[in-house]
Amino acid sequence: MSKVLLISTGGTITMVRDRVSGALVPADIETFKAYMPELSGGDIRVDISAFDPLLDSSDVDPKSWAQMAQMVYDRYDDYDGFVILHGTDTMSYSASALSFMLENLGKPVVFTGSQLPVGVLRSDAKENLLTAIEIAAAKDEEGNAIVPEVTIYFEDRLFRANRTTKRNAEHFSAFNSYNYPALAKAGVHITYQPHLVHYSDSRLPLKLHTAYDVNVAVLKLFPGIQPATVRAVLRIRGLKAVVLETFGAGNAPTAQWLYRELKKAVDNGIIIVNKTQCNTGSVEMGLYAVSLNLMRAGVISGYDVTTEALLTKMMYLLGEYPDDPEQVKKLLQTNLCGEVTIDE
């Protein structure tokens, strides 16, 4: 019998309606199991472990990521796969973070949740959770995990976690992976795409990374942006790295003041990574003249990485290499676990 550990962090999927007040409240494990009798029996054993207290995903932070990663690491040898219940609002951040924190992962870690609570009649919770469990337990003919990486399963698609962005707050298809195809599609059968899966070296043991540095920021450019706005971000005390969200293929205003502010920040040791505001496509610095000043200032390319993956990767690398900014810059432009497409 396959064994899957279900880790509940909270979120909409764990909510049920209170019989007295009628309000939606987080369900304890026994109440949740009562709404999900399918978790008992069958050919997959599902054990449940929960955060205490459960968290709204808006309150999830790097300490929460470390707790999730630690729970997987501590029980890694006991289970064939893991499913993490999580609120949708920051799921892409958490799942991206775990893809970096769990190095050499050889088993599935599937994030899922729902747009409607498990205690609501039309909820998408059951379908999402039961399919995620099946994916977490899935093995090939040789007994190896079919998708041994951190993923997000929602509605009928399985995506690489660090390629995802929440795209919709109303539809059941809440997530998309704009720059990388789905790893699987669920219908009557689950159709996997093994050639798209990221496989770690099976000879290497799982390695846990829980150090992180939150001294990062996002600076989104817009027409008419003023020097005071840019300075307010780039001169934050203790700042170490910035996601610079630019136009199109990585373009920015050619104003000399912007060039000077960016160059000054880079010269002061702040790492600035160029990330396009477009969901689909990649940064191509130098393609247009309006990106040349960024290159001259020392801004580096983020290629087609998502903002969620780039931010969590920055936190992870700054935590791992606190005294080696050059190594951080190098690895920010390296594909570590399928998070970015870089032409070699």
C-alpha atoms as a PDB file:
ATOM      1  CA  MET A   1       0.000   0.000   0.000  1.00  0.00           C
ATOM      2  CA  SER A   2       1.310   3.447  -0.957  1.00  0.00           C
ATOM      3  CA  LYS A   3       1.607   5.965   1.869  1.00  0.00           C
ATOM      4  CA  VAL A   4       1.037   9.708   1.536  1.00  0.00           C
ATOM      5  CA  LEU A   5       1.422  12.338   4.241  1.00  0.00           C
ATOM      6  CA  LEU A   6      -1.156  15.116   4.025  1.00  0.00           C
ATOM      7  CA  ILE A   7       0.175  18.339   5.561  1.00  0.00           C
ATOM      8  CA  SER A   8      -2.541  20.898   6.271  1.00  0.00           C
ATOM      9  CA  THR A   9      -1.353  24.479   6.638  1.00  0.00           C
ATOM     10  CA  GLY A  10      -4.801  26.047   6.333  1.00  0.00           C
ATOM     11  CA  GLY A  11      -6.535  27.965   3.582  1.00  0.00           C
ATOM     12  CA  THR A  12      -9.991  27.876   2.048  1.00  0.00           C
ATOM     13  CA  ILE A  13      -9.884  24.120   1.523  1.00  0.00           C
ATOM     14  CA  THR A  14      -9.876  23.497   5.286  1.00  0.00           C
ATOM     15  CA  MET A  15     -12.903  25.681   6.029  1.00  0.00           C
ATOM     16  CA  VAL A  16     -16.306  24.397   7.131  1.00  0.00           C
ATOM     17  CA  ARG A  17     -19.484  26.190   8.171  1.00  0.00           C
ATOM     18  CA  ASP A  18     -19.993  26.547  11.905  1.00  0.00           C
ATOM     19  CA  ARG A  19     -23.373  25.058  12.859  1.00  0.00           C
ATOM     20  CA  VAL A  20     -24.074  27.775  15.418  1.00  0.00           C
ATOM     21  CA  SER A  21     -22.889  31.001  13.786  1.00  0.00           C
ATOM     22  CA  GLY A  22     -23.054  29.927  10.153  1.00  0.00           C
ATOM     23  CA  ALA A  23     -19.611  31.450   9.558  1.00  0.00           C
ATOM     24  CA  LEU A  24     -16.795  29.622   7.793  1.00  0.00           C
ATOM     25  CA  VAL A  25     -14.148  28.466  10.265  1.00  0.00           C
ATOM     26  CA  PRO A  26     -11.021  26.277  10.030  1.00  0.00           C
ATOM     27  CA  ALA A  27     -11.762  22.604  10.559  1.00  0.00           C
ATOM     28  CA  ASP A  28      -9.771  20.426  12.941  1.00  0.00           C
ATOM     29  CA  ILE A  29      -8.398  17.155  11.569  1.00  0.00           C
ATOM     30  CA  GLU A  30     -11.339  14.987  12.673  1.00  0.00           C
ATOM     31  CA  THR A  31     -13.911  17.405  11.255  1.00  0.00           C
ATOM     32  CA  PHE A  32     -12.004  17.643   7.995  1.00  0.00           C
ATOM     33  CA  LYS A  33     -11.823  13.844   7.739  1.00  0.00           C
ATOM     34  CA  ALA A  34     -15.590  13.671   8.272  1.00  0.00           C
ATOM     35  CA  TYR A  35     -16.063  15.784   5.155  1.00  0.00           C
ATOM     36  CA  MET A  36     -13.545  13.620   3.284  1.00  0.00           C
ATOM     37  CA  PRO A  37     -14.456   9.968   4.004  1.00  0.00           C
ATOM     38  CA  GLU A  38     -12.592   9.026   0.813  1.00  0.00           C
ATOM     39  CA  LEU A  39      -9.329   9.513   2.737  1.00  0.00           C
ATOM     40  CA  SER A  40      -9.992   6.266   4.587  1.00  0.00           C
ATOM     41  CA  GLY A  41      -9.808   2.936   2.821  1.00  0.00           C
ATOM     42  CA  GLY A  42      -8.661   2.396  -0.727  1.00  0.00           C
ATOM     43  CA  ASP A  43      -5.159   1.445  -1.808  1.00  0.00           C
ATOM     44  CA  ILE A  44      -3.436   4.602  -0.560  1.00  0.00           C
ATOM     45  CA  ARG A  45      -2.879   5.155   3.129  1.00  0.00           C
ATOM     46  CA  VAL A  46      -3.240   8.844   3.996  1.00  0.00           C
ATOM     47  CA  ASP A  47      -1.933  10.212   7.284  1.00  0.00           C
ATOM     48  CA  ILE A  48      -2.614  13.802   8.268  1.00  0.00           C
ATOM     49  CA  SER A  49      -0.437  16.337  10.054  1.00  0.00           C
ATOM     50  CA  ALA A  50      -1.548  19.934  10.564  1.00  0.00           C
ATOM     51  CA  PHE A  51      -0.176  23.315  11.481  1.00  0.00           C
ATOM     52  CA  ASP A  52      -1.380  24.552  14.844  1.00  0.00           C
ATOM     53  CA  PRO A  53      -2.864  27.034  14.422  1.00  0.00           C
ATOM     54  CA  LEU A  54      -3.872  26.791  10.775  1.00  0.00           C
ATOM     55  CA  LEU A  55      -2.844  29.804   8.697  1.00  0.00           C
ATOM     56  CA  ASP A  56      -4.553  31.984   6.153  1.00  0.00           C
ATOM     57  CA  SER A  57      -2.120  32.008   3.251  1.00  0.00           C
ATOM     58  CA  SER A  58      -1.803  35.797   3.526  1.00  0.00           C
ATOM     59  CA  ASP A  59      -0.038  35.171   6.844  1.00  0.00           C
ATOM     60  CA  VAL A  60       2.387  32.569   5.479  1.00  0.00           C
ATOM     61  CA  ASP A  61       6.021  33.694   5.637  1.00  0.00           C
ATOM     62  CA  PRO A  62       9.502  32.167   5.285  1.00  0.00           C
ATOM     63  CA  LYS A  63       9.221  30.641   8.773  1.00  0.00           C
ATOM     64  CA  SER A  64       6.149  28.800   7.532  1.00  0.00           C
ATOM     65  CA  TRP A  65       8.065  27.584   4.466  1.00  0.00           C
ATOM     66  CA  ALA A  66      10.791  26.258   6.738  1.00  0.00           C
ATOM     67  CA  GLN A  67       8.186  24.443   8.827  1.00  0.00           C
ATOM     68  CA  MET A  68       6.637  22.816   5.747  1.00  0.00           C
ATOM     69  CA  ALA A  69      10.029  21.781   4.389  1.00  0.00           C
ATOM     70  CA  GLN A  70      11.062  20.413   7.793  1.00  0.00           C
ATOM     71  CA  MET A  71       7.891  18.306   8.011  1.00  0.00           C
ATOM     72  CA  VAL A  72       8.643  16.759   4.621  1.00  0.00           C
ATOM     73  CA  TYR A  73      12.279  16.187   5.526  1.00  0.00           C
ATOM     74  CA  ASP A  74      11.526  14.599   8.905  1.00  0.00           C
ATOM     75  CA  ARG A  75       9.044  12.086   7.427  1.00  0.00           C
ATOM     76  CA  TYR A  76      10.736  11.658   4.060  1.00  0.00           C
ATOM     77  CA  ASP A  77      11.642   7.990   4.520  1.00  0.00           C
ATOM     78  CA  ASP A  78       8.188   7.083   5.860  1.00  0.00           C
ATOM     79  CA  TYR A  79       6.084   8.095   2.866  1.00  0.00           C
ATOM     80  CA  ASP A  80       5.948   7.704  -0.904  1.00  0.00           C
ATOM     81  CA  GLY A  81       4.780  11.267  -1.400  1.00  0.00           C
ATOM     82  CA  PHE A  82       3.431  14.397   0.257  1.00  0.00           C
ATOM     83  CA  VAL A  83       0.418  16.639  -0.284  1.00  0.00           C
ATOM     84  CA  ILE A  84       0.367  20.127   1.220  1.00  0.00           C
ATOM     85  CA  LEU A  85      -2.951  21.905   1.697  1.00  0.00           C
ATOM     86  CA  HIS A  86      -2.449  25.649   1.325  1.00  0.00           C
ATOM     87  CA  GLY A  87      -4.440  28.795   0.649  1.00  0.00           C
ATOM     88  CA  THR A  88      -4.321  29.920  -2.966  1.00  0.00           C
ATOM     89  CA  ASP A  89      -3.230  33.537  -2.484  1.00  0.00           C
ATOM     90  CA  THR A  90       0.430  32.770  -1.728  1.00  0.00           C
ATOM     91  CA  MET A  91       0.611  29.136  -2.804  1.00  0.00           C
ATOM     92  CA  SER A  92       2.955  29.879  -5.711  1.00  0.00           C
ATOM     93  CA  TYR A  93       5.388  31.595  -3.333  1.00  0.00           C
ATOM     94  CA  SER A  94       5.388  28.729  -0.822  1.00  0.00           C
ATOM     95  CA  ALA A  95       5.609  26.000  -3.427  1.00  0.00           C
ATOM     96  CA  SER A  96       8.414  27.822  -5.259  1.00  0.00           C
ATOM     97  CA  ALA A  97      10.299  28.247  -1.985  1.00  0.00           C
ATOM     98  CA  LEU A  98      10.091  24.532  -1.196  1.00  0.00           C
ATOM     99  CA  SER A  99      11.444  23.656  -4.634  1.00  0.00           C
ATOM    100  CA  PHE A 100      14.695  25.348  -3.581  1.00  0.00           C
ATOM    101  CA  MET A 101      14.654  24.269   0.070  1.00  0.00           C
ATOM    102  CA  LEU A 102      14.318  20.545  -0.725  1.00  0.00           C
ATOM    103  CA  GLU A 103      17.455  19.840  -2.743  1.00  0.00           C
ATOM    104  CA  ASN A 104      17.752  16.458  -4.511  1.00  0.00           C
ATOM    105  CA  LEU A 105      14.052  15.768  -3.987  1.00  0.00           C
ATOM    106  CA  GLY A 106      13.156  12.290  -5.187  1.00  0.00           C
ATOM    107  CA  LYS A 107       9.500  12.095  -4.144  1.00  0.00           C
ATOM    108  CA  PRO A 108       6.405  14.116  -5.076  1.00  0.00           C
ATOM    109  CA  VAL A 109       5.446  17.139  -2.977  1.00  0.00           C
ATOM    110  CA  VAL A 110       2.092  18.311  -4.338  1.00  0.00           C
ATOM    111  CA  PHE A 111       0.502  21.587  -3.235  1.00  0.00           C
ATOM    112  CA  THR A 112      -3.236  21.937  -3.636  1.00  0.00           C
ATOM    113  CA  GLY A 113      -6.185  23.830  -2.239  1.00  0.00           C
ATOM    114  CA  SER A 114      -9.581  24.986  -3.399  1.00  0.00           C
ATOM    115  CA  GLN A 115     -11.561  28.048  -4.390  1.00  0.00           C
ATOM    116  CA  LEU A 116     -14.537  26.943  -2.287  1.00  0.00           C
ATOM    117  CA  PRO A 117     -14.332  25.433   1.221  1.00  0.00           C
ATOM    118  CA  VAL A 118     -14.602  21.679   1.698  1.00  0.00           C
ATOM    119  CA  GLY A 119     -17.798  22.264   3.666  1.00  0.00           C
ATOM    120  CA  VAL A 120     -19.598  23.910   0.716  1.00  0.00           C
ATOM    121  CA  LEU A 121     -21.736  21.791  -1.609  1.00  0.00           C
ATOM    122  CA  ARG A 122     -20.120  22.910  -4.889  1.00  0.00           C
ATOM    123  CA  SER A 123     -16.573  22.835  -3.528  1.00  0.00           C
ATOM    124  CA  ASP A 124     -13.680  21.894  -5.773  1.00  0.00           C
ATOM    125  CA  ALA A 125     -11.840  20.633  -2.677  1.00  0.00           C
ATOM    126  CA  LYS A 126     -12.534  16.922  -3.045  1.00  0.00           C
ATOM    127  CA  GLU A 127     -11.490  16.609  -6.663  1.00  0.00           C
ATOM    128  CA  ASN A 128      -8.317  18.645  -6.139  1.00  0.00           C
ATOM    129  CA  LEU A 129      -7.279  16.804  -2.992  1.00  0.00           C
ATOM    130  CA  LEU A 130      -8.029  13.254  -4.129  1.00  0.00           C
ATOM    131  CA  THR A 131      -6.238  13.740  -7.445  1.00  0.00           C
ATOM    132  CA  ALA A 132      -3.261  15.353  -5.688  1.00  0.00           C
ATOM    133  CA  ILE A 133      -3.042  12.314  -3.401  1.00  0.00           C
ATOM    134  CA  GLU A 134      -3.113   9.957  -6.382  1.00  0.00           C
ATOM    135  CA  ILE A 135      -0.332  11.951  -8.067  1.00  0.00           C
ATOM    136  CA  ALA A 136       1.742  11.944  -4.865  1.00  0.00           C
ATOM    137  CA  ALA A 137       1.487   8.147  -4.725  1.00  0.00           C
ATOM    138  CA  ALA A 138       1.973   7.486  -8.444  1.00  0.00           C
ATOM    139  CA  LYS A 139       4.902   5.287  -9.469  1.00  0.00           C
ATOM    140  CA  ASP A 140       6.118   3.898 -12.761  1.00  0.00           C
ATOM    141  CA  GLU A 141       6.553   0.212 -13.604  1.00  0.00           C
ATOM    142  CA  GLU A 142       9.940   0.195 -11.892  1.00  0.00           C
ATOM    143  CA  GLY A 143       8.539   1.606  -8.661  1.00  0.00           C
ATOM    144  CA  ASN A 144       9.934   5.119  -9.091  1.00  0.00           C
ATOM    145  CA  ALA A 145       7.919   8.268  -8.436  1.00  0.00           C
ATOM    146  CA  ILE A 146       6.471   9.611 -11.678  1.00  0.00           C
ATOM    147  CA  VAL A 147       6.738  13.284 -10.711  1.00  0.00           C
ATOM    148  CA  PRO A 148       9.456  13.611  -8.031  1.00  0.00           C
ATOM    149  CA  GLU A 149       9.404  17.380  -7.704  1.00  0.00           C
ATOM    150  CA  VAL A 150       7.435  20.156  -6.011  1.00  0.00           C
ATOM    151  CA  THR A 151       4.247  20.809  -7.965  1.00  0.00           C
ATOM    152  CA  ILE A 152       0.854  22.508  -7.795  1.00  0.00           C
ATOM    153  CA  TYR A 153      -2.278  20.600  -8.754  1.00  0.00           C
ATOM    154  CA  PHE A 154      -5.433  22.576  -9.415  1.00  0.00           C
ATOM    155  CA  GLU A 155      -8.649  21.759 -11.285  1.00  0.00           C
ATOM    156  CA  ASP A 156      -7.224  19.371 -13.893  1.00  0.00           C
ATOM    157  CA  ARG A 157      -3.596  20.440 -14.341  1.00  0.00           C
ATOM    158  CA  LEU A 158      -0.347  19.589 -12.605  1.00  0.00           C
ATOM    159  CA  PHE A 159       2.263  22.337 -12.888  1.00  0.00           C
ATOM    160  CA  ARG A 160       5.882  22.673 -11.815  1.00  0.00           C
ATOM    161  CA  ALA A 161       5.533  24.773  -8.673  1.00  0.00           C
ATOM    162  CA  ASN A 162       8.244  27.305  -9.438  1.00  0.00           C
ATOM    163  CA  ARG A 163       6.677  28.091 -12.811  1.00  0.00           C
ATOM    164  CA  THR A 164       3.246  29.015 -11.481  1.00  0.00           C
ATOM    165  CA  THR A 165       1.322  32.206 -10.849  1.00  0.00           C
ATOM    166  CA  LYS A 166      -2.169  32.609  -9.443  1.00  0.00           C
ATOM    167  CA  ARG A 167      -4.186  33.984 -12.329  1.00  0.00           C
ATOM    168  CA  ASN A 168      -7.808  33.963 -11.194  1.00  0.00           C
ATOM    169  CA  ALA A 169      -9.628  34.615  -7.922  1.00  0.00           C
ATOM    170  CA  GLU A 170     -13.032  33.407  -9.147  1.00  0.00           C
ATOM    171  CA  HIS A 171     -12.608  30.430 -11.469  1.00  0.00           C
ATOM    172  CA  PHE A 172     -11.656  26.927 -10.379  1.00  0.00           C
ATOM    173  CA  SER A 173      -8.610  27.093 -12.689  1.00  0.00           C
ATOM    174  CA  ALA A 174      -6.804  29.406 -10.295  1.00  0.00           C
ATOM    175  CA  PHE A 175      -3.230  28.847 -11.503  1.00  0.00           C
ATOM    176  CA  ASN A 176      -1.264  28.832 -14.707  1.00  0.00           C
ATOM    177  CA  SER A 177       2.269  28.107 -15.830  1.00  0.00           C
ATOM    178  CA  TYR A 178       2.820  30.577 -18.633  1.00  0.00           C
ATOM    179  CA  ASN A 179       6.330  29.650 -19.696  1.00  0.00           C
ATOM    180  CA  TYR A 180       6.361  25.897 -19.112  1.00  0.00           C
ATOM    181  CA  PRO A 181       3.865  23.182 -20.101  1.00  0.00           C
ATOM    182  CA  ALA A 182       1.741  21.247 -17.608  1.00  0.00           C
ATOM    183  CA  LEU A 183       3.400  18.094 -16.261  1.00  0.00           C
ATOM    184  CA  ALA A 184       0.104  16.203 -16.263  1.00  0.00           C
ATOM    185  CA  LYS A 185      -3.561  16.563 -17.149  1.00  0.00           C
ATOM    186  CA  ALA A 186      -6.309  14.817 -15.224  1.00  0.00           C
ATOM    187  CA  GLY A 187      -9.479  13.543 -16.860  1.00  0.00           C
ATOM    188  CA  VAL A 188     -10.831  10.013 -16.725  1.00  0.00           C
ATOM    189  CA  HIS A 189      -7.148   9.095 -16.575  1.00  0.00           C
ATOM    190  CA  ILE A 190      -4.146  11.135 -15.450  1.00  0.00           C
ATOM    191  CA  THR A 191      -1.883  11.712 -18.446  1.00  0.00           C
ATOM    192  CA  TYR A 192       1.691  12.412 -17.399  1.00  0.00           C
ATOM    193  CA  GLN A 193       4.431  14.046 -19.462  1.00  0.00           C
ATOM    194  CA  PRO A 194       7.603  12.433 -18.055  1.00  0.00           C
ATOM    195  CA  HIS A 195       9.842  14.219 -20.567  1.00  0.00           C
ATOM    196  CA  LEU A 196       8.891  17.519 -18.920  1.00  0.00           C
ATOM    197  CA  VAL A 197       9.616  16.428 -15.343  1.00  0.00           C
ATOM    198  CA  HIS A 198      12.701  17.626 -13.472  1.00  0.00           C
ATOM    199  CA  TYR A 199      14.580  14.623 -12.054  1.00  0.00           C
ATOM    200  CA  SER A 200      17.228  15.031  -9.370  1.00  0.00           C
ATOM    201  CA  ASP A 201      20.246  12.736  -9.151  1.00  0.00           C
ATOM    202  CA  SER A 202      18.840   9.648  -7.394  1.00  0.00           C
ATOM    203  CA  ARG A 203      22.268   8.879  -5.960  1.00  0.00           C
ATOM    204  CA  LEU A 204      22.221  12.016  -3.828  1.00  0.00           C
ATOM    205  CA  PRO A 205      20.373  12.250  -0.504  1.00  0.00           C
ATOM    206  CA  LEU A 206      17.676  14.808   0.197  1.00  0.00           C
ATOM    207  CA  LYS A 207      19.222  17.998   1.554  1.00  0.00           C
ATOM    208  CA  LEU A 208      17.224  20.522   3.588  1.00  0.00           C
ATOM    209  CA  HIS A 209      17.853  24.272   3.384  1.00  0.00           C
ATOM    210  CA  THR A 210      15.989  26.487   5.836  1.00  0.00           C
ATOM    211  CA  ALA A 211      18.214  29.578   5.945  1.00  0.00           C
ATOM    212  CA  TYR A 212      16.754  32.609   4.225  1.00  0.00           C
ATOM    213  CA  ASP A 213      17.205  36.369   4.034  1.00  0.00           C
ATOM    214  CA  VAL A 214      14.137  38.591   3.608  1.00  0.00           C
ATOM    215  CA  ASN A 215      16.052  41.774   2.719  1.00  0.00           C
ATOM    216  CA  VAL A 216      14.634  41.832  -0.800  1.00  0.00           C
ATOM    217  CA  ALA A 217      12.156  44.066  -2.598  1.00  0.00           C
ATOM    218  CA  VAL A 218      10.135  44.407  -5.800  1.00  0.00           C
ATOM    219  CA  LEU A 219      10.382  47.619  -7.825  1.00  0.00           C
ATOM    220  CA  LYS A 220       7.767  47.819 -10.566  1.00  0.00           C
ATOM    221  CA  LEU A 221       8.405  50.377 -13.261  1.00  0.00           C
ATOM    222  CA  PHE A 222       5.523  52.379 -14.737  1.00  0.00           C
ATOM    223  CA  PRO A 223       5.201  55.356 -17.080  1.00  0.00           C
ATOM    224  CA  GLY A 224       5.831  58.513 -15.107  1.00  0.00           C
ATOM    225  CA  ILE A 225       7.660  56.846 -12.231  1.00  0.00           C
ATOM    226  CA  GLN A 226       9.488  59.464 -10.174  1.00  0.00           C
ATOM    227  CA  PRO A 227      13.022  59.477  -8.754  1.00  0.00           C
ATOM    228  CA  ALA A 228      11.676  59.610  -5.199  1.00  0.00           C
ATOM    229  CA  THR A 229       9.814  56.331  -5.727  1.00  0.00           C
ATOM    230  CA  VAL A 230      12.883  54.538  -7.035  1.00  0.00           C
ATOM    231  CA  ARG A 231      15.093  55.954  -4.304  1.00  0.00           C
ATOM    232  CA  ALA A 232      12.603  54.934  -1.614  1.00  0.00           C
ATOM    233  CA  VAL A 233      13.024  51.299  -2.659  1.00  0.00           C
ATOM    234  CA  LEU A 234      16.714  51.203  -3.554  1.00  0.00           C
ATOM    235  CA  ARG A 235      17.753  52.981  -0.350  1.00  0.00           C
ATOM    236  CA  ILE A 236      15.906  50.694   2.071  1.00  0.00           C
ATOM    237  CA  ARG A 237      18.240  50.020   4.983  1.00  0.00           C
ATOM    238  CA  GLY A 238      19.730  46.531   4.757  1.00  0.00           C
ATOM    239  CA  LEU A 239      18.436  45.862   1.237  1.00  0.00           C
ATOM    240  CA  LYS A 240      20.397  43.158  -0.592  1.00  0.00           C
ATOM    241  CA  ALA A 241      18.476  42.284  -3.750  1.00  0.00           C
ATOM    242  CA  VAL A 242      15.701  43.720  -5.920  1.00  0.00           C
ATOM    243  CA  VAL A 243      13.325  42.294  -8.495  1.00  0.00           C
ATOM    244  CA  LEU A 244      13.064  45.033 -11.121  1.00  0.00           C
ATOM    245  CA  GLU A 245       9.801  44.520 -13.012  1.00  0.00           C
ATOM    246  CA  THR A 246      10.315  46.049 -16.439  1.00  0.00           C
ATOM    247  CA  PHE A 247       8.352  46.439 -19.670  1.00  0.00           C
ATOM    248  CA  GLY A 248       8.132  43.917 -22.509  1.00  0.00           C
ATOM    249  CA  ALA A 249      11.364  42.062 -23.139  1.00  0.00           C
ATOM    250  CA  GLY A 250      13.103  43.758 -20.219  1.00  0.00           C
ATOM    251  CA  ASN A 251      12.933  47.416 -21.185  1.00  0.00           C
ATOM    252  CA  ALA A 252      12.974  50.563 -19.044  1.00  0.00           C
ATOM    253  CA  PRO A 253      12.833  54.354 -19.428  1.00  0.00           C
ATOM    254  CA  THR A 254      16.099  55.801 -20.700  1.00  0.00           C
ATOM    255  CA  ALA A 255      16.079  58.673 -18.199  1.00  0.00           C
ATOM    256  CA  GLN A 256      19.604  59.297 -16.937  1.00  0.00           C
ATOM    257  CA  TRP A 257      18.438  59.669 -13.359  1.00  0.00           C
ATOM    258  CA  LEU A 258      17.104  56.102 -13.434  1.00  0.00           C
ATOM    259  CA  TYR A 259      20.406  54.800 -14.801  1.00  0.00           C
ATOM    260  CA  ARG A 260      22.316  56.662 -12.075  1.00  0.00           C
ATOM    261  CA  GLU A 261      20.091  55.341  -9.280  1.00  0.00           C
ATOM    262  CA  LEU A 262      20.353  51.754 -10.497  1.00  0.00           C
ATOM    263  CA  LYS A 263      24.111  51.947 -11.015  1.00  0.00           C
ATOM    264  CA  LYS A 264      24.623  53.500  -7.593  1.00  0.00           C
ATOM    265  CA  ALA A 265      22.618  50.687  -5.998  1.00  0.00           C
ATOM    266  CA  VAL A 266      24.591  47.997  -7.869  1.00  0.00           C
ATOM    267  CA  ASP A 267      27.879  49.688  -6.975  1.00  0.00           C
ATOM    268  CA  ASN A 268      26.752  49.587  -3.327  1.00  0.00           C
ATOM    269  CA  GLY A 269      26.371  45.813  -3.545  1.00  0.00           C
ATOM    270  CA  ILE A 270      22.638  45.481  -4.212  1.00  0.00           C
ATOM    271  CA  ILE A 271      21.779  42.730  -6.679  1.00  0.00           C
ATOM    272  CA  ILE A 272      19.148  43.842  -9.208  1.00  0.00           C
ATOM    273  CA  VAL A 273      17.449  41.297 -11.461  1.00  0.00           C
ATOM    274  CA  ASN A 274      15.456  42.273 -14.539  1.00  0.00           C
ATOM    275  CA  LYS A 275      12.030  40.575 -14.620  1.00  0.00           C
ATOM    276  CA  THR A 276       9.471  41.354 -17.303  1.00  0.00           C
ATOM    277  CA  GLN A 277       5.984  42.385 -16.191  1.00  0.00           C
ATOM    278  CA  CYS A 278       4.548  40.128 -18.914  1.00  0.00           C
ATOM    279  CA  ASN A 279       3.324  36.707 -17.809  1.00  0.00           C
ATOM    280  CA  THR A 280       4.516  35.054 -21.009  1.00  0.00           C
ATOM    281  CA  GLY A 281       7.933  35.566 -22.540  1.00  0.00           C
ATOM    282  CA  SER A 282      11.470  36.251 -21.426  1.00  0.00           C
ATOM    283  CA  VAL A 283      13.804  39.143 -20.689  1.00  0.00           C
ATOM    284  CA  GLU A 284      16.150  39.761 -23.630  1.00  0.00           C
ATOM    285  CA  MET A 285      18.511  42.477 -22.476  1.00  0.00           C
ATOM    286  CA  GLY A 286      20.160  44.276 -25.372  1.00  0.00           C
ATOM    287  CA  LEU A 287      17.429  43.389 -27.855  1.00  0.00           C
ATOM    288  CA  TYR A 288      16.112  46.965 -27.691  1.00  0.00           C
ATOM    289  CA  ALA A 289      18.149  50.091 -27.039  1.00  0.00           C
ATOM    290  CA  VAL A 290      15.906  50.947 -24.081  1.00  0.00           C
ATOM    291  CA  SER A 291      17.411  48.042 -22.123  1.00  0.00           C
ATOM    292  CA  LEU A 292      21.039  49.052 -22.676  1.00  0.00           C
ATOM    293  CA  ASN A 293      21.148  51.377 -19.677  1.00  0.00           C
ATOM    294  CA  LEU A 294      20.099  48.489 -17.452  1.00  0.00           C
ATOM    295  CA  MET A 295      23.008  46.426 -18.717  1.00  0.00           C
ATOM    296  CA  ARG A 296      25.434  49.331 -18.232  1.00  0.00           C
ATOM    297  CA  ALA A 297      24.167  49.797 -14.690  1.00  0.00           C
ATOM    298  CA  GLY A 298      24.934  46.164 -13.839  1.00  0.00           C
ATOM    299  CA  VAL A 299      21.370  44.816 -13.762  1.00  0.00           C
ATOM    300  CA  ILE A 300      21.279  41.082 -14.534  1.00  0.00           C
ATOM    301  CA  SER A 301      18.672  39.122 -16.483  1.00  0.00           C
ATOM    302  CA  GLY A 302      15.925  37.039 -14.887  1.00  0.00           C
ATOM    303  CA  TYR A 303      15.050  35.419 -18.226  1.00  0.00           C
ATOM    304  CA  ASP A 304      11.536  33.876 -18.025  1.00  0.00           C
ATOM    305  CA  VAL A 305      11.371  33.293 -14.258  1.00  0.00           C
ATOM    306  CA  THR A 306       8.195  34.193 -12.348  1.00  0.00           C
ATOM    307  CA  THR A 307       8.252  36.908  -9.711  1.00  0.00           C
ATOM    308  CA  GLU A 308       7.254  34.310  -7.096  1.00  0.00           C
ATOM    309  CA  ALA A 309      10.149  32.010  -7.983  1.00  0.00           C
ATOM    310  CA  LEU A 310      12.642  34.861  -8.289  1.00  0.00           C
ATOM    311  CA  LEU A 311      11.796  36.363  -4.894  1.00  0.00           C
ATOM    312  CA  THR A 312      11.951  33.032  -3.068  1.00  0.00           C
ATOM    313  CA  LYS A 313      15.142  32.074  -4.898  1.00  0.00           C
ATOM    314  CA  MET A 314      16.709  35.368  -3.817  1.00  0.00           C
ATOM    315  CA  MET A 315      15.769  34.751  -0.185  1.00  0.00           C
ATOM    316  CA  TYR A 316      17.118  31.199  -0.375  1.00  0.00           C
ATOM    317  CA  LEU A 317      20.430  32.109  -2.031  1.00  0.00           C
ATOM    318  CA  LEU A 318      21.062  35.100   0.225  1.00  0.00           C
ATOM    319  CA  GLY A 319      20.484  32.815   3.197  1.00  0.00           C
ATOM    320  CA  GLU A 320      22.801  30.142   1.807  1.00  0.00           C
ATOM    321  CA  TYR A 321      25.604  32.499   0.742  1.00  0.00           C
ATOM    322  CA  PRO A 322      25.389  35.519   3.073  1.00  0.00           C
ATOM    323  CA  ASP A 323      28.975  36.574   2.423  1.00  0.00           C
ATOM    324  CA  ASP A 324      29.271  35.723  -1.268  1.00  0.00           C
ATOM    325  CA  PRO A 325      27.174  38.063  -3.449  1.00  0.00           C
ATOM    326  CA  GLU A 326      28.998  36.966  -6.585  1.00  0.00           C
ATOM    327  CA  GLN A 327      27.881  33.375  -6.008  1.00  0.00           C
ATOM    328  CA  VAL A 328      24.331  34.605  -5.429  1.00  0.00           C
ATOM    329  CA  LYS A 329      24.417  36.528  -8.729  1.00  0.00           C
ATOM    330  CA  LYS A 330      25.801  33.512 -10.542  1.00  0.00           C
ATOM    331  CA  LEU A 331      23.142  31.148  -9.201  1.00  0.00           C
ATOM    332  CA  LEU A 332      20.343  33.640  -9.859  1.00  0.00           C
ATOM    333  CA  GLN A 333      21.263  33.166 -13.517  1.00  0.00           C
ATOM    334  CA  THR A 334      21.482  29.379 -13.197  1.00  0.00           C
ATOM    335  CA  ASN A 335      18.653  26.888 -13.617  1.00  0.00           C
ATOM    336  CA  LEU A 336      18.648  25.077 -10.243  1.00  0.00           C
ATOM    337  CA  CYS A 337      15.468  23.014 -10.381  1.00  0.00           C
ATOM    338  CA  GLY A 338      13.600  23.880 -13.547  1.00  0.00           C
ATOM    339  CA  GLU A 339      12.571  27.395 -12.509  1.00  0.00           C
ATOM    340  CA  VAL A 340      14.012  29.230 -15.507  1.00  0.00           C
ATOM    341  CA  THR A 341      14.813  28.659 -19.176  1.00  0.00           C
ATOM    342  CA  ILE A 342      18.366  29.636 -20.038  1.00  0.00           C
ATOM    343  CA  ASP A 343      19.886  28.968 -23.441  1.00  0.00           C
ATOM    344  CA  GLU A 344      23.299  27.483 -22.894  1.00  0.00           C
END
